[in-house]
PDB file of N, CA and C in Angstrom:
ATOM      1  N   MET A   1      16.427 -47.548 -34.889  1.00  0.00           N
ATOM      2  CA  MET A   1      17.572 -46.675 -34.737  1.00  0.00           C
ATOM      3  C   MET A   1      18.581 -47.356 -33.815  1.00  0.00           C
ATOM      4  N   SER A   2      19.807 -47.481 -34.256  1.00  0.00           N
ATOM      5  CA  SER A   2      20.816 -48.173 -33.462  1.00  0.00           C
ATOM      6  C   SER A   2      21.650 -47.189 -32.649  1.00  0.00           C
ATOM      7  N   LYS A   3      22.229 -47.728 -31.586  1.00  0.00           N
ATOM      8  CA  LYS A   3      23.100 -46.904 -30.756  1.00  0.00           C
ATOM      9  C   LYS A   3      24.467 -46.806 -31.404  1.00  0.00           C
ATOM     10  N   ARG A   4      25.215 -45.780 -31.035  1.00  0.00           N
ATOM     11  CA  ARG A   4      26.572 -45.637 -31.547  1.00  0.00           C
ATOM     12  C   ARG A   4      27.464 -46.689 -30.928  1.00  0.00           C
ATOM     13  N   LYS A   5      28.373 -47.182 -31.720  1.00  0.00           N
ATOM     14  CA  LYS A   5      29.283 -48.211 -31.237  1.00  0.00           C
ATOM     15  C   LYS A   5      30.419 -47.552 -30.461  1.00  0.00           C
ATOM     16  N   GLN A   6      30.723 -48.119 -29.303  1.00  0.00           N
ATOM     17  CA  GLN A   6      31.814 -47.631 -28.469  1.00  0.00           C
ATOM     18  C   GLN A   6      33.032 -48.508 -28.712  1.00  0.00           C
ATOM     19  N   HIS A   7      34.119 -47.910 -29.144  1.00  0.00           N
ATOM     20  CA  HIS A   7      35.341 -48.653 -29.425  1.00  0.00           C
ATOM     21  C   HIS A   7      36.301 -48.559 -28.247  1.00  0.00           C
ATOM     22  N   ALA A   8      37.011 -49.637 -28.004  1.00  0.00           N
ATOM     23  CA  ALA A   8      37.999 -49.664 -26.927  1.00  0.00           C
ATOM     24  C   ALA A   8      39.177 -48.768 -27.288  1.00  0.00           C
ATOM     25  N   LEU A   9      39.839 -48.258 -26.266  1.00  0.00           N
ATOM     26  CA  LEU A   9      40.993 -47.384 -26.494  1.00  0.00           C
ATOM     27  C   LEU A   9      42.093 -48.106 -27.256  1.00  0.00           C
ATOM     28  N   GLU A  10      42.286 -49.390 -26.950  1.00  0.00           N
ATOM     29  CA  GLU A  10      43.321 -50.166 -27.624  1.00  0.00           C
ATOM     30  C   GLU A  10      43.024 -50.281 -29.119  1.00  0.00           C
ATOM     31  N   PHE A  11      41.748 -50.464 -29.442  1.00  0.00           N
ATOM     32  CA  PHE A  11      41.340 -50.553 -30.845  1.00  0.00           C
ATOM     33  C   PHE A  11      41.606 -49.240 -31.568  1.00  0.00           C
ATOM     34  N   LYS A  12      41.241 -48.125 -30.930  1.00  0.00           N
ATOM     35  CA  LYS A  12      41.465 -46.815 -31.536  1.00  0.00           C
ATOM     36  C   LYS A  12      42.951 -46.580 -31.783  1.00  0.00           C
ATOM     37  N   ALA A  13      43.780 -46.944 -30.802  1.00  0.00           N
ATOM     38  CA  ALA A  13      45.220 -46.760 -30.944  1.00  0.00           C
ATOM     39  C   ALA A  13      45.763 -47.616 -32.077  1.00  0.00           C
ATOM     40  N   LYS A  14      45.282 -48.830 -32.173  1.00  0.00           N
ATOM     41  CA  LYS A  14      45.736 -49.744 -33.232  1.00  0.00           C
ATOM     42  C   LYS A  14      45.396 -49.182 -34.606  1.00  0.00           C
ATOM     43  N   VAL A  15      44.164 -48.722 -34.772  1.00  0.00           N
ATOM     44  CA  VAL A  15      43.732 -48.169 -36.055  1.00  0.00           C
ATOM     45  C   VAL A  15      44.509 -46.893 -36.381  1.00  0.00           C
ATOM     46  N   ALA A  16      44.705 -46.029 -35.381  1.00  0.00           N
ATOM     47  CA  ALA A  16      45.435 -44.776 -35.603  1.00  0.00           C
ATOM     48  C   ALA A  16      46.890 -45.055 -35.997  1.00  0.00           C
ATOM     49  N   LEU A  17      47.504 -46.042 -35.365  1.00  0.00           N
ATOM     50  CA  LEU A  17      48.886 -46.388 -35.721  1.00  0.00           C
ATOM     51  C   LEU A  17      48.965 -46.950 -37.133  1.00  0.00           C
ATOM     52  N   GLU A  18      47.982 -47.742 -37.507  1.00  0.00           N
ATOM     53  CA  GLU A  18      47.946 -48.261 -38.879  1.00  0.00           C
ATOM     54  C   GLU A  18      47.812 -47.110 -39.871  1.00  0.00           C
ATOM     55  N   ALA A  19      47.013 -46.114 -39.525  1.00  0.00           N
ATOM     56  CA  ALA A  19      46.850 -44.953 -40.394  1.00  0.00           C
ATOM     57  C   ALA A  19      48.144 -44.153 -40.475  1.00  0.00           C
ATOM     58  N   MET A  20      48.871 -44.089 -39.358  1.00  0.00           N
ATOM     59  CA  MET A  20      50.143 -43.363 -39.344  1.00  0.00           C
ATOM     60  C   MET A  20      51.183 -44.031 -40.239  1.00  0.00           C
ATOM     61  N   LYS A  21      51.151 -45.349 -40.307  1.00  0.00           N
ATOM     62  CA  LYS A  21      52.116 -46.074 -41.135  1.00  0.00           C
ATOM     63  C   LYS A  21      52.009 -45.673 -42.601  1.00  0.00           C
ATOM     64  N   GLY A  22      50.786 -45.456 -43.060  1.00  0.00           N
ATOM     65  CA  GLY A  22      50.583 -45.033 -44.433  1.00  0.00           C
ATOM     66  C   GLY A  22      50.681 -46.155 -45.449  1.00  0.00           C
ATOM     67  N   GLU A  23      50.674 -47.391 -45.022  1.00  0.00           N
ATOM     68  CA  GLU A  23      50.760 -48.511 -45.942  1.00  0.00           C
ATOM     69  C   GLU A  23      49.449 -48.738 -46.688  1.00  0.00           C
ATOM     70  N   GLU A  24      48.344 -48.331 -46.079  1.00  0.00           N
ATOM     71  CA  GLU A  24      47.028 -48.453 -46.696  1.00  0.00           C
ATOM     72  C   GLU A  24      46.340 -47.096 -46.643  1.00  0.00           C
ATOM     73  N   THR A  25      45.404 -46.890 -47.535  1.00  0.00           N
ATOM     74  CA  THR A  25      44.650 -45.642 -47.511  1.00  0.00           C
ATOM     75  C   THR A  25      43.652 -45.690 -46.355  1.00  0.00           C
ATOM     76  N   VAL A  26      43.133 -44.524 -46.021  1.00  0.00           N
ATOM     77  CA  VAL A  26      42.155 -44.439 -44.943  1.00  0.00           C
ATOM     78  C   VAL A  26      40.896 -45.224 -45.318  1.00  0.00           C
ATOM     79  N   SER A  27      40.528 -45.203 -46.581  1.00  0.00           N
ATOM     80  CA  SER A  27      39.353 -45.957 -47.032  1.00  0.00           C
ATOM     81  C   SER A  27      39.564 -47.456 -46.871  1.00  0.00           C
ATOM     82  N   GLU A  28      40.752 -47.927 -47.197  1.00  0.00           N
ATOM     83  CA  GLU A  28      41.058 -49.348 -47.029  1.00  0.00           C
ATOM     84  C   GLU A  28      41.018 -49.738 -45.554  1.00  0.00           C
ATOM     85  N   LEU A  29      41.596 -48.887 -44.715  1.00  0.00           N
ATOM     86  CA  LEU A  29      41.562 -49.154 -43.277  1.00  0.00           C
ATOM     87  C   LEU A  29      40.133 -49.148 -42.749  1.00  0.00           C
ATOM     88  N   ALA A  30      39.314 -48.230 -43.247  1.00  0.00           N
ATOM     89  CA  ALA A  30      37.928 -48.127 -42.802  1.00  0.00           C
ATOM     90  C   ALA A  30      37.166 -49.405 -43.124  1.00  0.00           C
ATOM     91  N   SER A  31      37.362 -49.939 -44.318  1.00  0.00           N
ATOM     92  CA  SER A  31      36.653 -51.167 -44.666  1.00  0.00           C
ATOM     93  C   SER A  31      37.229 -52.359 -43.901  1.00  0.00           C
ATOM     94  N   ARG A  32      38.535 -52.358 -43.652  1.00  0.00           N
ATOM     95  CA  ARG A  32      39.169 -53.466 -42.934  1.00  0.00           C
ATOM     96  C   ARG A  32      38.727 -53.516 -41.471  1.00  0.00           C
ATOM     97  N   PHE A  33      38.645 -52.345 -40.818  1.00  0.00           N
ATOM     98  CA  PHE A  33      38.297 -52.304 -39.402  1.00  0.00           C
ATOM     99  C   PHE A  33      36.817 -52.034 -39.146  1.00  0.00           C
ATOM    100  N   GLY A  34      36.063 -51.705 -40.183  1.00  0.00           N
ATOM    101  CA  GLY A  34      34.633 -51.492 -40.034  1.00  0.00           C
ATOM    102  C   GLY A  34      34.264 -50.191 -39.349  1.00  0.00           C
ATOM    103  N   VAL A  35      35.038 -49.143 -39.603  1.00  0.00           N
ATOM    104  CA  VAL A  35      34.728 -47.824 -39.042  1.00  0.00           C
ATOM    105  C   VAL A  35      34.726 -46.791 -40.165  1.00  0.00           C
ATOM    106  N   HIS A  36      34.161 -45.643 -39.886  1.00  0.00           N
ATOM    107  CA  HIS A  36      34.084 -44.581 -40.892  1.00  0.00           C
ATOM    108  C   HIS A  36      35.453 -43.910 -41.045  1.00  0.00           C
ATOM    109  N   PRO A  37      35.817 -43.526 -42.272  1.00  0.00           N
ATOM    110  CA  PRO A  37      37.111 -42.863 -42.485  1.00  0.00           C
ATOM    111  C   PRO A  37      37.304 -41.599 -41.657  1.00  0.00           C
ATOM    112  N   THR A  38      36.214 -40.882 -41.377  1.00  0.00           N
ATOM    113  CA  THR A  38      36.313 -39.676 -40.557  1.00  0.00           C
ATOM    114  C   THR A  38      36.801 -40.016 -39.156  1.00  0.00           C
ATOM    115  N   MET A  39      36.308 -41.141 -38.622  1.00  0.00           N
ATOM    116  CA  MET A  39      36.743 -41.557 -37.288  1.00  0.00           C
ATOM    117  C   MET A  39      38.235 -41.868 -37.273  1.00  0.00           C
ATOM    118  N   ILE A  40      38.699 -42.515 -38.317  1.00  0.00           N
ATOM    119  CA  ILE A  40      40.126 -42.848 -38.394  1.00  0.00           C
ATOM    120  C   ILE A  40      40.958 -41.571 -38.407  1.00  0.00           C
ATOM    121  N   ASN A  41      40.515 -40.586 -39.170  1.00  0.00           N
ATOM    122  CA  ASN A  41      41.252 -39.318 -39.212  1.00  0.00           C
ATOM    123  C   ASN A  41      41.227 -38.612 -37.857  1.00  0.00           C
ATOM    124  N   GLN A  42      40.104 -38.676 -37.144  1.00  0.00           N
ATOM    125  CA  GLN A  42      40.021 -38.062 -35.813  1.00  0.00           C
ATOM    126  C   GLN A  42      40.958 -38.770 -34.838  1.00  0.00           C
ATOM    127  N   TRP A  43      40.979 -40.100 -34.884  1.00  0.00           N
ATOM    128  CA  TRP A  43      41.842 -40.861 -33.979  1.00  0.00           C
ATOM    129  C   TRP A  43      43.308 -40.613 -34.293  1.00  0.00           C
ATOM    130  N   LYS A  44      43.621 -40.481 -35.574  1.00  0.00           N
ATOM    131  CA  LYS A  44      45.000 -40.200 -35.989  1.00  0.00           C
ATOM    132  C   LYS A  44      45.432 -38.819 -35.478  1.00  0.00           C
ATOM    133  N   ARG A  45      44.538 -37.838 -35.608  1.00  0.00           N
ATOM    134  CA  ARG A  45      44.828 -36.485 -35.129  1.00  0.00           C
ATOM    135  C   ARG A  45      45.002 -36.479 -33.611  1.00  0.00           C
ATOM    136  N   ALA A  46      44.150 -37.227 -32.899  1.00  0.00           N
ATOM    137  CA  ALA A  46      44.256 -37.312 -31.439  1.00  0.00           C
ATOM    138  C   ALA A  46      45.575 -37.963 -31.029  1.00  0.00           C
ATOM    139  N   LEU A  47      45.993 -38.961 -31.778  1.00  0.00           N
ATOM    140  CA  LEU A  47      47.271 -39.616 -31.500  1.00  0.00           C
ATOM    141  C   LEU A  47      48.429 -38.645 -31.689  1.00  0.00           C
ATOM    142  N   LEU A  48      48.382 -37.883 -32.747  1.00  0.00           N
ATOM    143  CA  LEU A  48      49.444 -36.904 -32.993  1.00  0.00           C
ATOM    144  C   LEU A  48      49.452 -35.806 -31.925  1.00  0.00           C
ATOM    145  N   ASP A  49      48.269 -35.346 -31.527  1.00  0.00           N
ATOM    146  CA  ASP A  49      48.188 -34.281 -30.517  1.00  0.00           C
ATOM    147  C   ASP A  49      48.661 -34.761 -29.147  1.00  0.00           C
ATOM    148  N   GLY A  50      48.393 -36.012 -28.805  1.00  0.00           N
ATOM    149  CA  GLY A  50      48.743 -36.517 -27.485  1.00  0.00           C
ATOM    150  C   GLY A  50      50.085 -37.213 -27.410  1.00  0.00           C
ATOM    151  N   ALA A  51      50.756 -37.350 -28.533  1.00  0.00           N
ATOM    152  CA  ALA A  51      52.020 -38.091 -28.551  1.00  0.00           C
ATOM    153  C   ALA A  51      53.103 -37.423 -27.721  1.00  0.00           C
ATOM    154  N   SER A  52      53.103 -36.115 -27.640  1.00  0.00           N
ATOM    155  CA  SER A  52      54.148 -35.430 -26.874  1.00  0.00           C
ATOM    156  C   SER A  52      54.027 -35.725 -25.380  1.00  0.00           C
ATOM    157  N   GLY A  53      52.844 -36.052 -24.913  1.00  0.00           N
ATOM    158  CA  GLY A  53      52.632 -36.359 -23.507  1.00  0.00           C
ATOM    159  C   GLY A  53      53.324 -37.639 -23.065  1.00  0.00           C
ATOM    160  N   VAL A  54      53.645 -38.497 -24.002  1.00  0.00           N
ATOM    161  CA  VAL A  54      54.317 -39.749 -23.671  1.00  0.00           C
ATOM    162  C   VAL A  54      55.717 -39.479 -23.129  1.00  0.00           C
ATOM    163  N   PHE A  55      56.346 -38.425 -23.590  1.00  0.00           N
ATOM    164  CA  PHE A  55      57.726 -38.144 -23.233  1.00  0.00           C
ATOM    165  C   PHE A  55      57.884 -37.108 -22.126  1.00  0.00           C
ATOM    166  N   GLU A  56      56.782 -36.728 -21.473  1.00  0.00           N
ATOM    167  CA  GLU A  56      56.868 -35.767 -20.384  1.00  0.00           C
ATOM    168  C   GLU A  56      57.570 -36.393 -19.190  1.00  0.00           C
ATOM    169  N   ARG A  57      58.351 -35.606 -18.497  1.00  0.00           N
ATOM    170  CA  ARG A  57      59.034 -36.091 -17.295  1.00  0.00           C
ATOM    171  C   ARG A  57      58.053 -36.080 -16.129  1.00  0.00           C
ATOM    172  N   GLY A  58      58.321 -36.931 -15.164  1.00  0.00           N
ATOM    173  CA  GLY A  58      57.494 -36.962 -13.971  1.00  0.00           C
ATOM    174  C   GLY A  58      56.325 -37.920 -14.061  1.00  0.00           C
ATOM    175  N   GLY A  59      56.233 -38.663 -15.117  1.00  0.00           N
ATOM    176  CA  GLY A  59      55.173 -39.659 -15.233  1.00  0.00           C
ATOM    177  C   GLY A  59      53.808 -39.041 -15.399  1.00  0.00           C
ATOM    178  N   ARG A  60      52.851 -39.617 -14.726  1.00  0.00           N
ATOM    179  CA  ARG A  60      51.474 -39.160 -14.861  1.00  0.00           C
ATOM    180  C   ARG A  60      51.239 -37.849 -14.120  1.00  0.00           C
ATOM    181  N   LYS A  61      50.283 -37.115 -14.613  1.00  0.00           N
ATOM    182  CA  LYS A  61      49.918 -35.863 -13.967  1.00  0.00           C
ATOM    183  C   LYS A  61      49.140 -36.167 -12.690  1.00  0.00           C
ATOM    184  N   THR A  62      49.304 -35.304 -11.698  1.00  0.00           N
ATOM    185  CA  THR A  62      48.552 -35.480 -10.463  1.00  0.00           C
ATOM    186  C   THR A  62      47.101 -35.095 -10.712  1.00  0.00           C
ATOM    187  N   PRO A  63      46.158 -35.850 -10.172  1.00  0.00           N
ATOM    188  CA  PRO A  63      44.753 -35.536 -10.414  1.00  0.00           C
ATOM    189  C   PRO A  63      44.356 -34.226  -9.737  1.00  0.00           C
ATOM    190  N   VAL A  64      43.452 -33.527 -10.364  1.00  0.00           N
ATOM    191  CA  VAL A  64      42.939 -32.271  -9.818  1.00  0.00           C
ATOM    192  C   VAL A  64      41.875 -32.611  -8.786  1.00  0.00           C
ATOM    193  N   ILE A  65      41.991 -32.030  -7.595  1.00  0.00           N
ATOM    194  CA  ILE A  65      41.058 -32.303  -6.513  1.00  0.00           C
ATOM    195  C   ILE A  65      40.052 -31.170  -6.434  1.00  0.00           C
ATOM    196  N   ASP A  66      38.796 -31.520  -6.510  1.00  0.00           N
ATOM    197  CA  ASP A  66      37.711 -30.548  -6.419  1.00  0.00           C
ATOM    198  C   ASP A  66      37.332 -30.419  -4.946  1.00  0.00           C
ATOM    199  N   GLU A  67      37.714 -29.305  -4.342  1.00  0.00           N
ATOM    200  CA  GLU A  67      37.495 -29.098  -2.908  1.00  0.00           C
ATOM    201  C   GLU A  67      36.015 -29.117  -2.530  1.00  0.00           C
ATOM    202  N   ASP A  68      35.151 -28.566  -3.382  1.00  0.00           N
ATOM    203  CA  ASP A  68      33.717 -28.559  -3.090  1.00  0.00           C
ATOM    204  C   ASP A  68      33.166 -29.980  -3.039  1.00  0.00           C
ATOM    205  N   GLN A  69      33.605 -30.798  -3.975  1.00  0.00           N
ATOM    206  CA  GLN A  69      33.144 -32.185  -3.997  1.00  0.00           C
ATOM    207  C   GLN A  69      33.639 -32.942  -2.766  1.00  0.00           C
ATOM    208  N   VAL A  70      34.884 -32.709  -2.368  1.00  0.00           N
ATOM    209  CA  VAL A  70      35.429 -33.359  -1.182  1.00  0.00           C
ATOM    210  C   VAL A  70      34.634 -32.952   0.053  1.00  0.00           C
ATOM    211  N   ARG A  71      34.310 -31.680   0.160  1.00  0.00           N
ATOM    212  CA  ARG A  71      33.540 -31.184   1.303  1.00  0.00           C
ATOM    213  C   ARG A  71      32.146 -31.831   1.328  1.00  0.00           C
ATOM    214  N   ASP A  72      31.500 -31.926   0.157  1.00  0.00           N
ATOM    215  CA  ASP A  72      30.178 -32.558   0.081  1.00  0.00           C
ATOM    216  C   ASP A  72      30.245 -34.036   0.465  1.00  0.00           C
ATOM    217  N   LEU A  73      31.284 -34.721   0.019  1.00  0.00           N
ATOM    218  CA  LEU A  73      31.424 -36.142   0.337  1.00  0.00           C
ATOM    219  C   LEU A  73      31.687 -36.360   1.826  1.00  0.00           C
ATOM    220  N   HIS A  74      32.481 -35.492   2.432  1.00  0.00           N
ATOM    221  CA  HIS A  74      32.722 -35.591   3.867  1.00  0.00           C
ATOM    222  C   HIS A  74      31.426 -35.361   4.652  1.00  0.00           C
ATOM    223  N   ALA A  75      30.618 -34.419   4.213  1.00  0.00           N
ATOM    224  CA  ALA A  75      29.336 -34.161   4.867  1.00  0.00           C
ATOM    225  C   ALA A  75      28.424 -35.377   4.746  1.00  0.00           C
ATOM    226  N   LYS A  76      28.403 -36.000   3.578  1.00  0.00           N
ATOM    227  CA  LYS A  76      27.564 -37.183   3.373  1.00  0.00           C
ATOM    228  C   LYS A  76      28.045 -38.343   4.249  1.00  0.00           C
ATOM    229  N   ILE A  77      29.346 -38.513   4.374  1.00  0.00           N
ATOM    230  CA  ILE A  77      29.906 -39.557   5.241  1.00  0.00           C
ATOM    231  C   ILE A  77      29.475 -39.321   6.680  1.00  0.00           C
ATOM    232  N   GLY A  78      29.511 -38.067   7.123  1.00  0.00           N
ATOM    233  CA  GLY A  78      29.075 -37.733   8.483  1.00  0.00           C
ATOM    234  C   GLY A  78      27.611 -38.064   8.704  1.00  0.00           C
ATOM    235  N   GLU A  79      26.758 -37.728   7.732  1.00  0.00           N
ATOM    236  CA  GLU A  79      25.330 -38.035   7.840  1.00  0.00           C
ATOM    237  C   GLU A  79      25.109 -39.536   7.948  1.00  0.00           C
ATOM    238  N   LEU A  80      25.801 -40.299   7.118  1.00  0.00           N
ATOM    239  CA  LEU A  80      25.633 -41.751   7.139  1.00  0.00           C
ATOM    240  C   LEU A  80      26.145 -42.363   8.440  1.00  0.00           C
ATOM    241  N   ALA A  81      27.225 -41.813   8.982  1.00  0.00           N
ATOM    242  CA  ALA A  81      27.751 -42.315  10.252  1.00  0.00           C
ATOM    243  C   ALA A  81      26.747 -42.072  11.373  1.00  0.00           C
ATOM    244  N   VAL A  82      26.128 -40.901  11.394  1.00  0.00           N
ATOM    245  CA  VAL A  82      25.120 -40.589  12.412  1.00  0.00           C
ATOM    246  C   VAL A  82      23.918 -41.520  12.249  1.00  0.00           C
ATOM    247  N   ALA A  83      23.465 -41.733  11.033  1.00  0.00           N
ATOM    248  CA  ALA A  83      22.322 -42.618  10.793  1.00  0.00           C
ATOM    249  C   ALA A  83      22.639 -44.048  11.233  1.00  0.00           C
ATOM    250  N   ASN A  84      23.829 -44.539  10.931  1.00  0.00           N
ATOM    251  CA  ASN A  84      24.223 -45.889  11.338  1.00  0.00           C
ATOM    252  C   ASN A  84      24.265 -46.008  12.855  1.00  0.00           C
ATOM    253  N   SER A  85      24.807 -45.005  13.505  1.00  0.00           N
ATOM    254  CA  SER A  85      24.882 -45.013  14.968  1.00  0.00           C
ATOM    255  C   SER A  85      23.482 -45.045  15.573  1.00  0.00           C
ATOM    256  N   PHE A  86      22.596 -44.225  15.037  1.00  0.00           N
ATOM    257  CA  PHE A  86      21.220 -44.176  15.524  1.00  0.00           C
ATOM    258  C   PHE A  86      20.531 -45.529  15.364  1.00  0.00           C
ATOM    259  N   LEU A  87      20.656 -46.110  14.179  1.00  0.00           N
ATOM    260  CA  LEU A  87      20.007 -47.400  13.929  1.00  0.00           C
ATOM    261  C   LEU A  87      20.603 -48.505  14.792  1.00  0.00           C
ATOM    262  N   GLU A  88      21.888 -48.446  15.003  1.00  0.00           N
ATOM    263  CA  GLU A  88      22.542 -49.453  15.847  1.00  0.00           C
ATOM    264  C   GLU A  88      21.991 -49.412  17.266  1.00  0.00           C
ATOM    265  N   ARG A  89      21.822 -48.204  17.806  1.00  0.00           N
ATOM    266  CA  ARG A  89      21.281 -48.059  19.159  1.00  0.00           C
ATOM    267  C   ARG A  89      19.822 -48.511  19.231  1.00  0.00           C
ATOM    268  N   LYS A  90      19.044 -48.176  18.212  1.00  0.00           N
ATOM    269  CA  LYS A  90      17.621 -48.505  18.223  1.00  0.00           C
ATOM    270  C   LYS A  90      17.373 -49.998  17.995  1.00  0.00           C
ATOM    271  N   LEU A  91      18.264 -50.678  17.306  1.00  0.00           N
ATOM    272  CA  LEU A  91      18.055 -52.097  17.012  1.00  0.00           C
ATOM    273  C   LEU A  91      18.666 -53.026  18.049  1.00  0.00           C
ATOM    274  N   LYS A  92      19.403 -52.501  19.019  1.00  0.00           N
ATOM    275  CA  LYS A  92      20.036 -53.334  20.049  1.00  0.00           C
ATOM    276  C   LYS A  92      19.023 -54.192  20.809  1.00  0.00           C
ATOM    277  N   PRO A  93      17.858 -53.652  21.199  1.00  0.00           N
ATOM    278  CA  PRO A  93      16.914 -54.494  21.955  1.00  0.00           C
ATOM    279  C   PRO A  93      16.435 -55.724  21.167  1.00  0.00           C
ATOM    280  N   TRP A  94      16.431 -55.660  19.880  1.00  0.00           N
ATOM    281  CA  TRP A  94      15.956 -56.774  19.058  1.00  0.00           C
ATOM    282  C   TRP A  94      17.094 -57.675  18.568  1.00  0.00           C
ATOM    283  N   ALA A  95      18.303 -57.418  18.961  1.00  0.00           N
ATOM    284  CA  ALA A  95      19.460 -58.180  18.460  1.00  0.00           C
ATOM    285  C   ALA A  95      19.381 -59.651  18.829  1.00  0.00           C
ATOM    286  N   GLY A  96      18.877 -59.995  20.011  1.00  0.00           N
ATOM    287  CA  GLY A  96      18.831 -61.382  20.450  1.00  0.00           C
ATOM    288  C   GLY A  96      17.645 -62.152  19.912  1.00  0.00           C
ATOM    289  N   ARG A  97      16.695 -61.499  19.270  1.00  0.00           N
ATOM    290  CA  ARG A  97      15.448 -62.162  18.830  1.00  0.00           C
ATOM    291  C   ARG A  97      15.586 -62.821  17.461  1.00  0.00           C
ATOM    292  N   TRP A  98      16.577 -62.554  16.730  1.00  0.00           N
ATOM    293  CA  TRP A  98      16.690 -63.096  15.374  1.00  0.00           C
ATOM    294  C   TRP A  98      17.286 -64.430  15.450  1.00  0.00           C
TER     295      TRP A  98
END
């Protein structure tokens, strides 16, 4: 049993644009690029759905910040800082022996 092939975003965009041109049928494109026709149709639909986002003002959207995750990460940083401090103090007597 083989794993599913992961295609690069650039490849998907290239295939979807070729499908949009309409110069070849989806079956011809599928045999040319070695992918299933259903995938080409999905990529074409995704391209059409996301095309309006290219022309949005303000550039990229600001990332959504998960406050719970930030709080957990800050707590983990604090724990690691305390552990490092403890180990630093405990290993000082042996620092000159190495």
